Amino acid sequence: MNYAYLLRCRDGSLYAGWTNDLAARVKAHNAGEGAKYTRSRRPVELVYFEEFETREEAMSREWHLKRLSRQEKLALISQNRNQAEETGAIMEAGITSIAGRDPE
């Protein structure tokens, strides 16, 4: 699977990216091995993600996420908290929590 995601950085900023291994990518960001933007803003917290079949779909969604205003990103994160829980998939991916959600 491929993912487009949003991270909340230590300074409160939001970072959009894409990956084919969500757990490994978040760990890489927190280890300082991720994007240059997040290196000086660690730790980061996964606050939103979407799953896609193809790399192209995930990359396209990342492109759209990057162009949203901060308020639009925050609204998306807030709406997602109220949607069906994806915690089981997150736990399987090795991520213990997403901001605003409690693991089951």
PDB file of N, CA and C in Angstrom:
ATOM      1  N   MET A   1       0.835  -1.188   0.000  1.00  0.00           N
ATOM      2  CA  MET A   1       0.000   0.000   0.000  1.00  0.00           C
ATOM      3  C   MET A   1       0.877   1.248   0.000  1.00  0.00           C
ATOM      4  N   ASN A   2       0.279   2.327  -0.422  1.00  0.00           N
ATOM      5  CA  ASN A   2       0.940   3.628  -0.458  1.00  0.00           C
ATOM      6  C   ASN A   2       0.100   4.605   0.350  1.00  0.00           C
ATOM      7  N   TYR A   3       0.764   5.578   0.934  1.00  0.00           N
ATOM      8  CA  TYR A   3       0.085   6.486   1.846  1.00  0.00           C
ATOM      9  C   TYR A   3       0.473   7.933   1.573  1.00  0.00           C
ATOM     10  N   ALA A   4      -0.498   8.819   1.724  1.00  0.00           N
ATOM     11  CA  ALA A   4      -0.247  10.251   1.838  1.00  0.00           C
ATOM     12  C   ALA A   4      -0.533  10.567   3.302  1.00  0.00           C
ATOM     13  N   TYR A   5       0.274  11.431   3.898  1.00  0.00           N
ATOM     14  CA  TYR A   5       0.132  11.647   5.334  1.00  0.00           C
ATOM     15  C   TYR A   5       0.448  13.084   5.718  1.00  0.00           C
ATOM     16  N   LEU A   6      -0.007  13.437   6.914  1.00  0.00           N
ATOM     17  CA  LEU A   6       0.324  14.722   7.527  1.00  0.00           C
ATOM     18  C   LEU A   6       0.967  14.455   8.878  1.00  0.00           C
ATOM     19  N   LEU A   7       2.042  15.173   9.151  1.00  0.00           N
ATOM     20  CA  LEU A   7       2.706  15.126  10.444  1.00  0.00           C
ATOM     21  C   LEU A   7       2.557  16.474  11.124  1.00  0.00           C
ATOM     22  N   ARG A   8       2.409  16.453  12.435  1.00  0.00           N
ATOM     23  CA  ARG A   8       2.488  17.689  13.208  1.00  0.00           C
ATOM     24  C   ARG A   8       3.886  17.726  13.808  1.00  0.00           C
ATOM     25  N   CYS A   9       4.600  18.785  13.530  1.00  0.00           N
ATOM     26  CA  CYS A   9       5.969  18.942  14.022  1.00  0.00           C
ATOM     27  C   CYS A   9       5.965  19.589  15.407  1.00  0.00           C
ATOM     28  N   ARG A  10       7.104  19.501  16.082  1.00  0.00           N
ATOM     29  CA  ARG A  10       7.259  20.056  17.427  1.00  0.00           C
ATOM     30  C   ARG A  10       6.869  21.528  17.489  1.00  0.00           C
ATOM     31  N   ASP A  11       7.148  22.276  16.438  1.00  0.00           N
ATOM     32  CA  ASP A  11       6.822  23.710  16.419  1.00  0.00           C
ATOM     33  C   ASP A  11       5.367  23.987  16.030  1.00  0.00           C
ATOM     34  N   GLY A  12       4.580  22.921  15.842  1.00  0.00           N
ATOM     35  CA  GLY A  12       3.169  23.084  15.503  1.00  0.00           C
ATOM     36  C   GLY A  12       2.879  23.127  14.018  1.00  0.00           C
ATOM     37  N   SER A  13       3.912  23.189  13.210  1.00  0.00           N
ATOM     38  CA  SER A  13       3.698  23.204  11.760  1.00  0.00           C
ATOM     39  C   SER A  13       3.254  21.823  11.282  1.00  0.00           C
ATOM     40  N   LEU A  14       2.676  21.795  10.096  1.00  0.00           N
ATOM     41  CA  LEU A  14       2.196  20.549   9.502  1.00  0.00           C
ATOM     42  C   LEU A  14       3.018  20.230   8.263  1.00  0.00           C
ATOM     43  N   TYR A  15       3.393  18.967   8.126  1.00  0.00           N
ATOM     44  CA  TYR A  15       4.205  18.510   6.996  1.00  0.00           C
ATOM     45  C   TYR A  15       3.441  17.427   6.249  1.00  0.00           C
ATOM     46  N   ALA A  16       3.370  17.525   4.936  1.00  0.00           N
ATOM     47  CA  ALA A  16       2.713  16.515   4.101  1.00  0.00           C
ATOM     48  C   ALA A  16       3.765  15.700   3.365  1.00  0.00           C
ATOM     49  N   GLY A  17       3.525  14.398   3.276  1.00  0.00           N
ATOM     50  CA  GLY A  17       4.432  13.523   2.551  1.00  0.00           C
ATOM     51  C   GLY A  17       3.699  12.304   2.022  1.00  0.00           C
ATOM     52  N   TRP A  18       4.456  11.412   1.396  1.00  0.00           N
ATOM     53  CA  TRP A  18       3.895  10.147   0.929  1.00  0.00           C
ATOM     54  C   TRP A  18       4.940   9.063   1.157  1.00  0.00           C
ATOM     55  N   THR A  19       4.493   7.819   1.264  1.00  0.00           N
ATOM     56  CA  THR A  19       5.394   6.695   1.496  1.00  0.00           C
ATOM     57  C   THR A  19       4.685   5.389   1.154  1.00  0.00           C
ATOM     58  N   ASN A  20       5.466   4.326   1.054  1.00  0.00           N
ATOM     59  CA  ASN A  20       4.864   2.999   0.905  1.00  0.00           C
ATOM     60  C   ASN A  20       5.014   2.190   2.188  1.00  0.00           C
ATOM     61  N   ASP A  21       5.613   2.780   3.222  1.00  0.00           N
ATOM     62  CA  ASP A  21       5.756   2.135   4.532  1.00  0.00           C
ATOM     63  C   ASP A  21       5.586   3.209   5.600  1.00  0.00           C
ATOM     64  N   LEU A  22       4.369   3.359   6.058  1.00  0.00           N
ATOM     65  CA  LEU A  22       4.023   4.465   6.952  1.00  0.00           C
ATOM     66  C   LEU A  22       4.797   4.413   8.266  1.00  0.00           C
ATOM     67  N   ALA A  23       4.839   3.254   8.897  1.00  0.00           N
ATOM     68  CA  ALA A  23       5.527   3.142  10.185  1.00  0.00           C
ATOM     69  C   ALA A  23       7.006   3.474  10.045  1.00  0.00           C
ATOM     70  N   ALA A  24       7.654   2.917   9.035  1.00  0.00           N
ATOM     71  CA  ALA A  24       9.085   3.167   8.828  1.00  0.00           C
ATOM     72  C   ALA A  24       9.347   4.633   8.511  1.00  0.00           C
ATOM     73  N   ARG A  25       8.464   5.253   7.753  1.00  0.00           N
ATOM     74  CA  ARG A  25       8.669   6.650   7.371  1.00  0.00           C
ATOM     75  C   ARG A  25       8.547   7.574   8.575  1.00  0.00           C
ATOM     76  N   VAL A  26       7.554   7.334   9.434  1.00  0.00           N
ATOM     77  CA  VAL A  26       7.403   8.166  10.633  1.00  0.00           C
ATOM     78  C   VAL A  26       8.624   7.991  11.535  1.00  0.00           C
ATOM     79  N   LYS A  27       9.078   6.756  11.687  1.00  0.00           N
ATOM     80  CA  LYS A  27      10.283   6.505  12.488  1.00  0.00           C
ATOM     81  C   LYS A  27      11.490   7.218  11.889  1.00  0.00           C
ATOM     82  N   ALA A  28      11.606   7.207  10.571  1.00  0.00           N
ATOM     83  CA  ALA A  28      12.719   7.892   9.905  1.00  0.00           C
ATOM     84  C   ALA A  28      12.661   9.396  10.164  1.00  0.00           C
ATOM     85  N   HIS A  29      11.469   9.973  10.070  1.00  0.00           N
ATOM     86  CA  HIS A  29      11.327  11.406  10.360  1.00  0.00           C
ATOM     87  C   HIS A  29      11.801  11.699  11.785  1.00  0.00           C
ATOM     88  N   ASN A  30      11.395  10.870  12.729  1.00  0.00           N
ATOM     89  CA  ASN A  30      11.759  11.103  14.126  1.00  0.00           C
ATOM     90  C   ASN A  30      13.223  10.803  14.427  1.00  0.00           C
ATOM     91  N   ALA A  31      13.874  10.049  13.562  1.00  0.00           N
ATOM     92  CA  ALA A  31      15.302   9.754  13.726  1.00  0.00           C
ATOM     93  C   ALA A  31      16.173  10.787  13.010  1.00  0.00           C
ATOM     94  N   GLY A  32      15.550  11.765  12.377  1.00  0.00           N
ATOM     95  CA  GLY A  32      16.307  12.783  11.655  1.00  0.00           C
ATOM     96  C   GLY A  32      16.726  12.338  10.273  1.00  0.00           C
ATOM     97  N   GLU A  33      16.156  11.237   9.803  1.00  0.00           N
ATOM     98  CA  GLU A  33      16.498  10.691   8.491  1.00  0.00           C
ATOM     99  C   GLU A  33      15.418  10.963   7.454  1.00  0.00           C
ATOM    100  N   GLY A  34      14.410  11.710   7.848  1.00  0.00           N
ATOM    101  CA  GLY A  34      13.329  12.021   6.928  1.00  0.00           C
ATOM    102  C   GLY A  34      13.644  13.274   6.138  1.00  0.00           C
ATOM    103  N   ALA A  35      12.623  13.988   5.782  1.00  0.00           N
ATOM    104  CA  ALA A  35      12.768  15.206   4.987  1.00  0.00           C
ATOM    105  C   ALA A  35      13.560  16.266   5.749  1.00  0.00           C
ATOM    106  N   LYS A  36      14.258  17.081   5.015  1.00  0.00           N
ATOM    107  CA  LYS A  36      15.049  18.163   5.600  1.00  0.00           C
ATOM    108  C   LYS A  36      14.176  19.059   6.481  1.00  0.00           C
ATOM    109  N   TYR A  37      12.945  19.298   6.045  1.00  0.00           N
ATOM    110  CA  TYR A  37      12.033  20.169   6.790  1.00  0.00           C
ATOM    111  C   TYR A  37      11.808  19.660   8.212  1.00  0.00           C
ATOM    112  N   THR A  38      11.636  18.351   8.374  1.00  0.00           N
ATOM    113  CA  THR A  38      11.286  17.808   9.690  1.00  0.00           C
ATOM    114  C   THR A  38      12.494  17.592  10.598  1.00  0.00           C
ATOM    115  N   ARG A  39      13.688  17.589  10.051  1.00  0.00           N
ATOM    116  CA  ARG A  39      14.889  17.295  10.860  1.00  0.00           C
ATOM    117  C   ARG A  39      15.043  18.231  12.047  1.00  0.00           C
ATOM    118  N   SER A  40      14.787  19.495  11.845  1.00  0.00           N
ATOM    119  CA  SER A  40      14.945  20.468  12.933  1.00  0.00           C
ATOM    120  C   SER A  40      13.645  20.697  13.697  1.00  0.00           C
ATOM    121  N   ARG A  41      12.632  19.922  13.390  1.00  0.00           N
ATOM    122  CA  ARG A  41      11.323  20.110  14.020  1.00  0.00           C
ATOM    123  C   ARG A  41      10.846  18.834  14.712  1.00  0.00           C
ATOM    124  N   ARG A  42      11.768  18.008  15.133  1.00  0.00           N
ATOM    125  CA  ARG A  42      11.435  16.754  15.797  1.00  0.00           C
ATOM    126  C   ARG A  42      11.137  16.993  17.272  1.00  0.00           C
ATOM    127  N   PRO A  43      10.312  16.150  17.870  1.00  0.00           N
ATOM    128  CA  PRO A  43       9.671  14.986  17.256  1.00  0.00           C
ATOM    129  C   PRO A  43       8.457  15.388  16.432  1.00  0.00           C
ATOM    130  N   VAL A  44       8.085  14.482  15.545  1.00  0.00           N
ATOM    131  CA  VAL A  44       6.884  14.671  14.735  1.00  0.00           C
ATOM    132  C   VAL A  44       5.850  13.640  15.158  1.00  0.00           C
ATOM    133  N   GLU A  45       4.600  13.951  14.881  1.00  0.00           N
ATOM    134  CA  GLU A  45       3.499  13.072  15.259  1.00  0.00           C
ATOM    135  C   GLU A  45       2.590  12.887  14.049  1.00  0.00           C
ATOM    136  N   LEU A  46       2.277  11.656  13.742  1.00  0.00           N
ATOM    137  CA  LEU A  46       1.351  11.370  12.651  1.00  0.00           C
ATOM    138  C   LEU A  46      -0.043  11.801  13.069  1.00  0.00           C
ATOM    139  N   VAL A  47      -0.667  12.686  12.285  1.00  0.00           N
ATOM    140  CA  VAL A  47      -2.000  13.179  12.637  1.00  0.00           C
ATOM    141  C   VAL A  47      -3.054  12.839  11.589  1.00  0.00           C
ATOM    142  N   TYR A  48      -2.614  12.372  10.413  1.00  0.00           N
ATOM    143  CA  TYR A  48      -3.570  12.075   9.345  1.00  0.00           C
ATOM    144  C   TYR A  48      -2.883  11.228   8.294  1.00  0.00           C
ATOM    145  N   PHE A  49      -3.626  10.282   7.725  1.00  0.00           N
ATOM    146  CA  PHE A  49      -3.113   9.557   6.567  1.00  0.00           C
ATOM    147  C   PHE A  49      -4.255   9.013   5.735  1.00  0.00           C
ATOM    148  N   GLU A  50      -3.970   8.772   4.472  1.00  0.00           N
ATOM    149  CA  GLU A  50      -4.889   8.127   3.542  1.00  0.00           C
ATOM    150  C   GLU A  50      -4.116   7.019   2.845  1.00  0.00           C
ATOM    151  N   GLU A  51      -4.795   5.933   2.529  1.00  0.00           N
ATOM    152  CA  GLU A  51      -4.183   4.770   1.891  1.00  0.00           C
ATOM    153  C   GLU A  51      -4.569   4.718   0.417  1.00  0.00           C
ATOM    154  N   PHE A  52      -3.600   4.356  -0.431  1.00  0.00           N
ATOM    155  CA  PHE A  52      -3.828   4.278  -1.872  1.00  0.00           C
ATOM    156  C   PHE A  52      -3.217   3.009  -2.441  1.00  0.00           C
ATOM    157  N   GLU A  53      -3.780   2.543  -3.530  1.00  0.00           N
ATOM    158  CA  GLU A  53      -3.262   1.357  -4.208  1.00  0.00           C
ATOM    159  C   GLU A  53      -1.947   1.638  -4.918  1.00  0.00           C
ATOM    160  N   THR A  54      -1.844   2.795  -5.548  1.00  0.00           N
ATOM    161  CA  THR A  54      -0.661   3.071  -6.361  1.00  0.00           C
ATOM    162  C   THR A  54       0.154   4.235  -5.811  1.00  0.00           C
ATOM    163  N   ARG A  55       1.415   4.217  -6.154  1.00  0.00           N
ATOM    164  CA  ARG A  55       2.336   5.284  -5.791  1.00  0.00           C
ATOM    165  C   ARG A  55       1.871   6.613  -6.383  1.00  0.00           C
ATOM    166  N   GLU A  56       1.423   6.565  -7.619  1.00  0.00           N
ATOM    167  CA  GLU A  56       0.985   7.781  -8.306  1.00  0.00           C
ATOM    168  C   GLU A  56      -0.183   8.445  -7.584  1.00  0.00           C
ATOM    169  N   GLU A  57      -1.129   7.638  -7.097  1.00  0.00           N
ATOM    170  CA  GLU A  57      -2.270   8.198  -6.363  1.00  0.00           C
ATOM    171  C   GLU A  57      -1.805   8.873  -5.073  1.00  0.00           C
ATOM    172  N   ALA A  58      -0.906   8.215  -4.354  1.00  0.00           N
ATOM    173  CA  ALA A  58      -0.396   8.779  -3.099  1.00  0.00           C
ATOM    174  C   ALA A  58       0.372  10.071  -3.355  1.00  0.00           C
ATOM    175  N   MET A  59       1.188  10.076  -4.398  1.00  0.00           N
ATOM    176  CA  MET A  59       1.963  11.273  -4.728  1.00  0.00           C
ATOM    177  C   MET A  59       1.051  12.421  -5.149  1.00  0.00           C
ATOM    178  N   SER A  60       0.002  12.103  -5.871  1.00  0.00           N
ATOM    179  CA  SER A  60      -0.957  13.126  -6.286  1.00  0.00           C
ATOM    180  C   SER A  60      -1.671  13.716  -5.070  1.00  0.00           C
ATOM    181  N   ARG A  61      -2.065  12.850  -4.142  1.00  0.00           N
ATOM    182  CA  ARG A  61      -2.742  13.333  -2.941  1.00  0.00           C
ATOM    183  C   ARG A  61      -1.800  14.183  -2.092  1.00  0.00           C
ATOM    184  N   GLU A  62      -0.537  13.766  -1.991  1.00  0.00           N
ATOM    185  CA  GLU A  62       0.450  14.574  -1.267  1.00  0.00           C
ATOM    186  C   GLU A  62       0.527  15.972  -1.880  1.00  0.00           C
ATOM    187  N   TRP A  63       0.587  16.035  -3.198  1.00  0.00           N
ATOM    188  CA  TRP A  63       0.657  17.315  -3.907  1.00  0.00           C
ATOM    189  C   TRP A  63      -0.528  18.194  -3.504  1.00  0.00           C
ATOM    190  N   HIS A  64      -1.729  17.589  -3.456  1.00  0.00           N
ATOM    191  CA  HIS A  64      -2.923  18.350  -3.077  1.00  0.00           C
ATOM    192  C   HIS A  64      -2.877  18.764  -1.603  1.00  0.00           C
ATOM    193  N   LEU A  65      -2.420  17.864  -0.738  1.00  0.00           N
ATOM    194  CA  LEU A  65      -2.325  18.199   0.685  1.00  0.00           C
ATOM    195  C   LEU A  65      -1.381  19.374   0.913  1.00  0.00           C
ATOM    196  N   LYS A  66      -0.270  19.394   0.202  1.00  0.00           N
ATOM    197  CA  LYS A  66       0.707  20.473   0.360  1.00  0.00           C
ATOM    198  C   LYS A  66       0.119  21.826  -0.038  1.00  0.00           C
ATOM    199  N   ARG A  67      -0.861  21.836  -0.885  1.00  0.00           N
ATOM    200  CA  ARG A  67      -1.446  23.081  -1.363  1.00  0.00           C
ATOM    201  C   ARG A  67      -2.631  23.564  -0.530  1.00  0.00           C
ATOM    202  N   LEU A  68      -3.062  22.760   0.429  1.00  0.00           N
ATOM    203  CA  LEU A  68      -4.132  23.194   1.321  1.00  0.00           C
ATOM    204  C   LEU A  68      -3.602  24.242   2.289  1.00  0.00           C
ATOM    205  N   SER A  69      -4.479  25.133   2.704  1.00  0.00           N
ATOM    206  CA  SER A  69      -4.094  26.093   3.739  1.00  0.00           C
ATOM    207  C   SER A  69      -3.984  25.352   5.073  1.00  0.00           C
ATOM    208  N   ARG A  70      -3.354  25.973   6.039  1.00  0.00           N
ATOM    209  CA  ARG A  70      -3.251  25.366   7.366  1.00  0.00           C
ATOM    210  C   ARG A  70      -4.640  25.060   7.920  1.00  0.00           C
ATOM    211  N   GLN A  71      -5.562  26.003   7.773  1.00  0.00           N
ATOM    212  CA  GLN A  71      -6.919  25.799   8.284  1.00  0.00           C
ATOM    213  C   GLN A  71      -7.604  24.614   7.596  1.00  0.00           C
ATOM    214  N   GLU A  72      -7.393  24.466   6.308  1.00  0.00           N
ATOM    215  CA  GLU A  72      -7.976  23.331   5.584  1.00  0.00           C
ATOM    216  C   GLU A  72      -7.372  22.012   6.061  1.00  0.00           C
ATOM    217  N   LYS A  73      -6.072  22.005   6.320  1.00  0.00           N
ATOM    218  CA  LYS A  73      -5.419  20.796   6.840  1.00  0.00           C
ATOM    219  C   LYS A  73      -5.960  20.447   8.220  1.00  0.00           C
ATOM    220  N   LEU A  74      -6.110  21.454   9.083  1.00  0.00           N
ATOM    221  CA  LEU A  74      -6.638  21.210  10.423  1.00  0.00           C
ATOM    222  C   LEU A  74      -8.071  20.695  10.368  1.00  0.00           C
ATOM    223  N   ALA A  75      -8.866  21.214   9.451  1.00  0.00           N
ATOM    224  CA  ALA A  75     -10.242  20.733   9.286  1.00  0.00           C
ATOM    225  C   ALA A  75     -10.251  19.278   8.832  1.00  0.00           C
ATOM    226  N   LEU A  76      -9.364  18.935   7.924  1.00  0.00           N
ATOM    227  CA  LEU A  76      -9.256  17.561   7.439  1.00  0.00           C
ATOM    228  C   LEU A  76      -8.879  16.623   8.581  1.00  0.00           C
ATOM    229  N   ILE A  77      -7.925  17.037   9.399  1.00  0.00           N
ATOM    230  CA  ILE A  77      -7.507  16.236  10.551  1.00  0.00           C
ATOM    231  C   ILE A  77      -8.675  16.063  11.510  1.00  0.00           C
ATOM    232  N   SER A  78      -9.390  17.138  11.781  1.00  0.00           N
ATOM    233  CA  SER A  78     -10.528  17.098  12.693  1.00  0.00           C
ATOM    234  C   SER A  78     -11.637  16.192  12.171  1.00  0.00           C
ATOM    235  N   GLN A  79     -11.955  16.296  10.891  1.00  0.00           N
ATOM    236  CA  GLN A  79     -12.987  15.445  10.290  1.00  0.00           C
ATOM    237  C   GLN A  79     -12.589  13.982  10.370  1.00  0.00           C
ATOM    238  N   ASN A  80     -11.328  13.711  10.142  1.00  0.00           N
ATOM    239  CA  ASN A  80     -10.850  12.335  10.146  1.00  0.00           C
ATOM    240  C   ASN A  80     -10.969  11.701  11.522  1.00  0.00           C
ATOM    241  N   ARG A  81     -10.822  12.481  12.572  1.00  0.00           N
ATOM    242  CA  ARG A  81     -10.960  11.947  13.931  1.00  0.00           C
ATOM    243  C   ARG A  81     -12.360  11.410  14.173  1.00  0.00           C
ATOM    244  N   ASN A  82     -13.322  11.945  13.450  1.00  0.00           N
ATOM    245  CA  ASN A  82     -14.704  11.534  13.629  1.00  0.00           C
ATOM    246  C   ASN A  82     -15.121  10.422  12.674  1.00  0.00           C
ATOM    247  N   GLN A  83     -14.245  10.013  11.776  1.00  0.00           N
ATOM    248  CA  GLN A  83     -14.560   8.953  10.826  1.00  0.00           C
ATOM    249  C   GLN A  83     -14.298   7.596  11.455  1.00  0.00           C
ATOM    250  N   ALA A  84     -14.577   6.558  10.690  1.00  0.00           N
ATOM    251  CA  ALA A  84     -14.349   5.191  11.162  1.00  0.00           C
ATOM    252  C   ALA A  84     -12.903   5.012  11.593  1.00  0.00           C
ATOM    253  N   GLU A  85     -12.698   4.316  12.705  1.00  0.00           N
ATOM    254  CA  GLU A  85     -11.355   4.099  13.243  1.00  0.00           C
ATOM    255  C   GLU A  85     -10.532   3.205  12.333  1.00  0.00           C
ATOM    256  N   GLU A  86      -9.273   3.585  12.172  1.00  0.00           N
ATOM    257  CA  GLU A  86      -8.326   2.785  11.399  1.00  0.00           C
ATOM    258  C   GLU A  86      -7.207   2.310  12.315  1.00  0.00           C
ATOM    259  N   THR A  87      -7.469   2.342  13.613  1.00  0.00           N
ATOM    260  CA  THR A  87      -6.432   2.059  14.588  1.00  0.00           C
ATOM    261  C   THR A  87      -5.840   0.673  14.413  1.00  0.00           C
ATOM    262  N   GLY A  88      -6.640  -0.314  14.053  1.00  0.00           N
ATOM    263  CA  GLY A  88      -6.109  -1.663  13.863  1.00  0.00           C
ATOM    264  C   GLY A  88      -5.019  -1.695  12.819  1.00  0.00           C
ATOM    265  N   ALA A  89      -5.229  -1.038  11.694  1.00  0.00           N
ATOM    266  CA  ALA A  89      -4.229  -0.991  10.630  1.00  0.00           C
ATOM    267  C   ALA A  89      -3.002  -0.219  11.085  1.00  0.00           C
ATOM    268  N   ILE A  90      -3.226   0.816  11.868  1.00  0.00           N
ATOM    269  CA  ILE A  90      -2.108   1.610  12.364  1.00  0.00           C
ATOM    270  C   ILE A  90      -1.251   0.763  13.295  1.00  0.00           C
ATOM    271  N   MET A  91      -1.894   0.032  14.186  1.00  0.00           N
ATOM    272  CA  MET A  91      -1.158  -0.806  15.122  1.00  0.00           C
ATOM    273  C   MET A  91      -0.360  -1.866  14.380  1.00  0.00           C
ATOM    274  N   GLU A  92      -0.962  -2.456  13.352  1.00  0.00           N
ATOM    275  CA  GLU A  92      -0.256  -3.452  12.553  1.00  0.00           C
ATOM    276  C   GLU A  92       0.952  -2.840  11.864  1.00  0.00           C
ATOM    277  N   ALA A  93       0.859  -1.558  11.534  1.00  0.00           N
ATOM    278  CA  ALA A  93       1.957  -0.873  10.856  1.00  0.00           C
ATOM    279  C   ALA A  93       3.065  -0.491  11.827  1.00  0.00           C
ATOM    280  N   GLY A  94       2.850  -0.717  13.119  1.00  0.00           N
ATOM    281  CA  GLY A  94       3.886  -0.421  14.093  1.00  0.00           C
ATOM    282  C   GLY A  94       3.823   0.980  14.662  1.00  0.00           C
ATOM    283  N   ILE A  95       2.731   1.682  14.434  1.00  0.00           N
ATOM    284  CA  ILE A  95       2.560   3.026  14.971  1.00  0.00           C
ATOM    285  C   ILE A  95       1.611   2.906  16.150  1.00  0.00           C
ATOM    286  N   THR A  96       2.003   3.422  17.297  1.00  0.00           N
ATOM    287  CA  THR A  96       1.214   3.209  18.499  1.00  0.00           C
ATOM    288  C   THR A  96       0.022   4.136  18.630  1.00  0.00           C
ATOM    289  N   SER A  97       0.060   5.289  17.977  1.00  0.00           N
ATOM    290  CA  SER A  97      -1.097   6.176  18.068  1.00  0.00           C
ATOM    291  C   SER A  97      -1.055   7.239  16.990  1.00  0.00           C
ATOM    292  N   ILE A  98      -2.214   7.791  16.743  1.00  0.00           N
ATOM    293  CA  ILE A  98      -2.339   8.969  15.893  1.00  0.00           C
ATOM    294  C   ILE A  98      -2.912  10.042  16.799  1.00  0.00           C
ATOM    295  N   ALA A  99      -2.420  11.224  16.694  1.00  0.00           N
ATOM    296  CA  ALA A  99      -2.882  12.306  17.556  1.00  0.00           C
ATOM    297  C   ALA A  99      -4.397  12.379  17.550  1.00  0.00           C
ATOM    298  N   GLY A 100      -4.973  12.476  18.733  1.00  0.00           N
ATOM    299  CA  GLY A 100      -6.417  12.596  18.848  1.00  0.00           C
ATOM    300  C   GLY A 100      -7.155  11.281  18.843  1.00  0.00           C
ATOM    301  N   ARG A 101      -6.435  10.180  18.730  1.00  0.00           N
ATOM    302  CA  ARG A 101      -7.079   8.864  18.740  1.00  0.00           C
ATOM    303  C   ARG A 101      -6.434   8.015  19.816  1.00  0.00           C
ATOM    304  N   ASP A 102      -7.233   7.202  20.457  1.00  0.00           N
ATOM    305  CA  ASP A 102      -6.706   6.253  21.425  1.00  0.00           C
ATOM    306  C   ASP A 102      -6.614   4.896  20.772  1.00  0.00           C
ATOM    307  N   PRO A 103      -5.478   4.190  20.950  1.00  0.00           N
ATOM    308  CA  PRO A 103      -5.394   2.834  20.403  1.00  0.00           C
ATOM    309  C   PRO A 103      -6.407   1.940  21.095  1.00  0.00           C
ATOM    310  N   GLU A 104      -6.918   0.992  20.373  1.00  0.00           N
ATOM    311  CA  GLU A 104      -7.901   0.065  20.953  1.00  0.00           C
ATOM    312  C   GLU A 104      -7.210  -0.932  21.839  1.00  0.00           C
TER     313      GLU A 104
END
